[in-house]
């Protein structure tokens, strides 16, 4: 069970990082456009 929880936490951390990167890219695009 602990192994599954560890994998889930790692996956969530990776997803959060990817979302942050996408948000930063979108903000950069918006700043360039306007």
Protein backbone atom coordinates (compact mmCIF):
# COMPACT_ATOMS: atom_id res chain seq x y z
CA UNK A 1 0.00 0.00 0.00
CA UNK A 2 2.78 2.47 0.90
CA UNK A 3 4.41 1.90 -2.51
CA UNK A 4 1.16 2.86 -4.28
CA UNK A 5 0.84 6.02 -2.16
CA UNK A 6 4.45 6.93 -3.01
CA UNK A 7 3.81 6.51 -6.74
CA UNK A 8 0.63 8.59 -6.55
CA UNK A 9 2.39 11.44 -4.72
CA UNK A 10 5.22 11.42 -7.30
CA UNK A 11 2.73 11.45 -10.19
CA UNK A 12 0.79 14.33 -8.61
CA UNK A 13 4.01 16.31 -8.10
CA UNK A 14 4.97 15.82 -11.76
CA UNK A 15 1.49 16.88 -12.92
CA UNK A 16 1.62 19.99 -10.72
CA UNK A 17 5.02 20.94 -12.16
CA UNK A 18 3.75 20.47 -15.72
CA UNK A 19 0.68 22.63 -14.97
CA UNK A 20 2.90 25.37 -13.52
CA UNK A 21 5.13 25.26 -16.62
CA UNK A 22 2.08 25.50 -18.90
CA UNK A 23 0.70 28.44 -16.88
CA UNK A 24 4.04 30.24 -17.14
CA UNK A 25 4.10 29.67 -20.92
CA UNK A 26 0.53 30.95 -21.27
CA UNK A 27 1.32 34.04 -19.19
CA UNK A 28 4.41 34.69 -21.34
CA UNK A 29 2.32 34.40 -24.51
CA UNK A 30 -0.31 36.77 -23.08
CA UNK A 31 2.38 39.30 -22.12
CA UNK A 32 3.84 39.14 -25.64
CA UNK A 33 0.42 39.47 -27.28
CA UNK A 34 -0.73 42.45 -25.16
